[in-house]
Amino acid sequence: MARVLAVLFAAVLAAPAAARAQEPKSADLAKQLAQLLDEKKLDAIAAADAETPGAFVAALYFPGTQLLTVAAKYSAPQLLTEKLAKKDYCDVYVDLSSASMAGTKVFVMDTFADGLVARPKGDAPADSVERTNGTMSFDGDFKKAKLSEADYTKAFGECDASYSRMLQALIAKLKSGT
């Protein structure tokens, strides 16, 4: 009996650490971006993607409600570079959303601007990510998505990593003085 209690106690202590280890990378970054946008009283931000020539990332922010983020290559990067210089961030967002190069766009709908959530609590709306291979709604129902739980978890990890990279680019832009 004492051995069983010791094992249960150890499992209870380990559970919070395991939960923290699975926290999405995008969670802190999305909150940091939202805070910076609030501080600077901005509802949009955009930046060139330093890792991919001809690619850009932009976001529209609805405080406390949603963060819509898009990354893509653009066929006339000089036009977006000019808009960035003029701080026309909303225009960059619109251009990337509507006229990006085929097969390069990643679009993230982050409900509550709190990072991607693999399984929302209660009846909270799901985050979603649109990529070349389709849209993935992270509502926790991997069967509805016709995926195994492992494939759902893998897709979430890939989307979270991609979204985190997008957020880092936008945070760097804001920290550099927009």
Protein backbone atom coordinates (compact mmCIF):
# COMPACT_ATOMS: atom_id res chain seq x y z
CA MET A 1 0.00 0.00 0.00
CA ALA A 2 2.79 2.45 0.88
CA ARG A 3 4.52 1.66 -2.43
CA VAL A 4 1.28 2.38 -4.37
CA LEU A 5 0.83 5.69 -2.54
CA ALA A 6 4.44 6.66 -3.27
CA VAL A 7 3.95 5.94 -6.98
CA LEU A 8 0.70 7.93 -7.06
CA PHE A 9 2.33 10.84 -5.22
CA ALA A 10 5.24 10.87 -7.67
CA ALA A 11 2.81 10.83 -10.60
CA VAL A 12 0.87 13.78 -9.19
CA LEU A 13 4.07 15.77 -8.72
CA ALA A 14 5.28 14.94 -12.23
CA ALA A 15 1.98 15.89 -13.93
CA PRO A 16 2.41 19.70 -13.76
CA ALA A 17 5.94 19.41 -15.14
CA ALA A 18 4.71 17.24 -18.00
CA ALA A 19 1.93 19.72 -18.75
CA ARG A 20 4.41 22.60 -18.83
CA ALA A 21 6.70 20.64 -21.14
CA GLN A 22 3.83 20.35 -23.63
CA GLU A 23 2.94 24.06 -23.51
CA PRO A 24 3.01 25.40 -27.07
CA LYS A 25 6.03 27.50 -28.01
CA SER A 26 3.70 30.08 -29.52
CA ALA A 27 1.87 30.80 -26.24
CA ASP A 28 4.42 33.13 -24.67
CA LEU A 29 5.32 34.66 -28.04
CA ALA A 30 1.70 35.50 -28.92
CA LYS A 31 1.18 37.08 -25.50
CA GLN A 32 4.41 39.05 -25.89
CA LEU A 33 3.39 40.27 -29.36
CA ALA A 34 -0.07 41.27 -28.09
CA GLN A 35 1.50 43.19 -25.21
CA LEU A 36 3.88 45.04 -27.56
CA LEU A 37 1.02 45.89 -29.94
CA ASP A 38 -1.04 47.16 -27.01
CA GLU A 39 1.86 49.28 -25.73
CA LYS A 40 2.46 50.80 -29.17
CA LYS A 41 -1.29 51.15 -29.84
CA LEU A 42 -1.04 49.20 -33.09
CA ASP A 43 -3.60 46.89 -34.64
CA ALA A 44 -1.30 45.60 -37.39
CA ILE A 45 2.38 44.79 -37.84
CA ALA A 46 4.44 43.37 -40.70
CA ALA A 47 8.05 42.46 -41.38
CA ALA A 48 10.28 40.91 -43.98
CA ASP A 49 11.11 37.28 -43.25
CA ALA A 50 14.84 37.40 -42.55
CA GLU A 51 15.21 33.65 -43.18
CA THR A 52 13.41 33.51 -46.56
CA PRO A 53 14.19 36.03 -49.32
CA GLY A 54 11.03 37.50 -50.88
CA ALA A 55 8.87 36.37 -47.98
CA PHE A 56 7.02 38.49 -45.45
CA VAL A 57 4.91 38.05 -42.32
CA ALA A 58 2.08 40.26 -41.13
CA ALA A 59 -0.57 40.24 -38.43
CA LEU A 60 -3.86 41.92 -37.62
CA TYR A 61 -4.61 42.20 -33.93
CA PHE A 62 -8.00 42.45 -32.29
CA PRO A 63 -7.19 43.02 -28.59
CA GLY A 64 -8.29 40.16 -26.36
CA THR A 65 -10.13 38.53 -29.24
CA GLN A 66 -7.92 37.33 -32.06
CA LEU A 67 -4.56 37.50 -33.77
CA LEU A 68 -4.63 36.79 -37.51
CA THR A 69 -1.16 36.12 -38.88
CA VAL A 70 -0.04 35.41 -42.43
CA ALA A 71 3.35 34.55 -43.89
CA ALA A 72 4.09 34.11 -47.58
CA LYS A 73 6.31 34.93 -50.50
CA TYR A 74 5.25 37.83 -52.66
CA SER A 75 5.96 38.10 -56.40
CA ALA A 76 6.94 41.78 -56.18
CA PRO A 77 8.82 42.00 -52.87
CA GLN A 78 9.98 45.55 -53.56
CA LEU A 79 6.35 46.73 -53.31
CA LEU A 80 5.96 45.24 -49.85
CA THR A 81 9.37 46.59 -48.82
CA GLU A 82 8.12 50.08 -49.76
CA LYS A 83 4.94 49.56 -47.74
CA LEU A 84 7.01 48.41 -44.76
CA ALA A 85 9.12 51.57 -45.01
CA LYS A 86 5.91 53.63 -44.91
CA LYS A 87 4.61 51.51 -42.00
CA ASP A 88 1.57 50.48 -44.05
CA TYR A 89 1.36 47.21 -42.10
CA CYS A 90 -2.33 46.63 -42.76
CA ASP A 91 -1.73 46.92 -46.53
CA VAL A 92 1.07 44.36 -46.28
CA TYR A 93 -1.30 42.04 -44.43
CA VAL A 94 -3.97 42.44 -47.12
CA ASP A 95 -1.47 41.88 -49.94
CA LEU A 96 -0.06 38.73 -48.34
CA SER A 97 -3.54 37.40 -47.59
CA SER A 98 -4.89 37.96 -51.07
CA ALA A 99 -2.01 37.99 -53.56
CA SER A 100 0.77 35.81 -52.19
CA MET A 101 2.63 33.37 -54.38
CA ALA A 102 0.79 30.07 -54.73
CA GLY A 103 1.91 27.37 -52.33
CA THR A 104 3.77 29.69 -49.95
CA LYS A 105 1.06 31.03 -47.65
CA VAL A 106 0.58 30.06 -44.01
CA PHE A 107 -2.40 31.68 -42.31
CA VAL A 108 -3.02 31.38 -38.56
CA MET A 109 -6.23 32.24 -36.73
CA ASP A 110 -5.21 32.50 -33.09
CA THR A 111 -8.35 32.86 -31.02
CA PHE A 112 -7.72 35.01 -27.94
CA ALA A 113 -4.19 35.93 -29.19
CA ASP A 114 -2.73 33.43 -26.72
CA GLY A 115 -0.81 31.08 -28.99
CA LEU A 116 -2.02 27.90 -30.60
CA VAL A 117 -4.02 25.57 -28.40
CA ALA A 118 -4.22 21.90 -29.41
CA ARG A 119 -7.36 21.18 -27.39
CA PRO A 120 -9.45 24.18 -26.33
CA LYS A 121 -11.21 24.01 -22.99
CA GLY A 122 -14.97 23.71 -22.83
CA ASP A 123 -16.75 25.34 -25.71
CA ALA A 124 -13.91 27.74 -26.56
CA PRO A 125 -13.41 28.23 -30.30
CA ALA A 126 -10.60 26.36 -32.00
CA ASP A 127 -7.44 27.89 -33.42
CA SER A 128 -6.75 27.02 -37.02
CA VAL A 129 -3.87 27.04 -39.48
CA GLU A 130 -4.21 27.14 -43.25
CA ARG A 131 -1.25 25.73 -45.16
CA THR A 132 -0.64 24.50 -48.69
CA ASN A 133 -1.96 21.05 -47.80
CA GLY A 134 -5.22 22.37 -46.29
CA THR A 135 -6.67 23.89 -43.17
CA MET A 136 -6.23 22.27 -39.78
CA SER A 137 -8.66 23.19 -37.03
CA PHE A 138 -7.21 22.44 -33.60
CA ASP A 139 -10.41 21.53 -31.79
CA GLY A 140 -8.94 18.42 -30.17
CA ASP A 141 -11.01 16.04 -32.30
CA PHE A 142 -8.35 14.16 -34.25
CA LYS A 143 -10.90 11.57 -35.39
CA LYS A 144 -13.03 14.24 -37.06
CA ALA A 145 -9.86 15.40 -38.82
CA LYS A 146 -9.38 11.79 -39.96
CA LEU A 147 -6.00 11.59 -38.24
CA SER A 148 -4.48 9.39 -35.61
CA GLU A 149 -3.78 11.12 -32.32
CA ALA A 150 -0.04 10.92 -33.09
CA ASP A 151 -0.54 12.59 -36.50
CA TYR A 152 -2.74 15.28 -34.95
CA THR A 153 -0.08 15.97 -32.32
CA LYS A 154 2.63 16.04 -35.01
CA ALA A 155 0.62 18.47 -37.17
CA PHE A 156 0.04 20.68 -34.14
CA GLY A 157 3.77 20.71 -33.34
CA GLU A 158 4.65 21.66 -36.92
CA CYS A 159 2.05 24.44 -36.98
CA ASP A 160 3.13 25.71 -33.57
CA ALA A 161 6.77 25.85 -34.69
CA SER A 162 5.85 27.71 -37.88
CA TYR A 163 3.63 30.14 -35.99
CA SER A 164 6.35 30.70 -33.39
CA ARG A 165 8.82 31.65 -36.13
CA MET A 166 6.27 34.11 -37.56
CA LEU A 167 5.69 35.66 -34.14
CA GLN A 168 9.43 36.00 -33.50
CA ALA A 169 9.85 37.97 -36.73
CA LEU A 170 7.04 40.34 -35.76
CA ILE A 171 8.32 40.78 -32.20
CA ALA A 172 11.80 41.58 -33.56
CA LYS A 173 10.26 44.21 -35.85
CA LEU A 174 8.41 45.83 -32.95
CA LYS A 175 11.47 45.78 -30.72
CA SER A 176 13.57 47.40 -33.47
CA GLY A 177 11.32 50.45 -33.35
CA THR A 178 8.75 49.56 -36.05
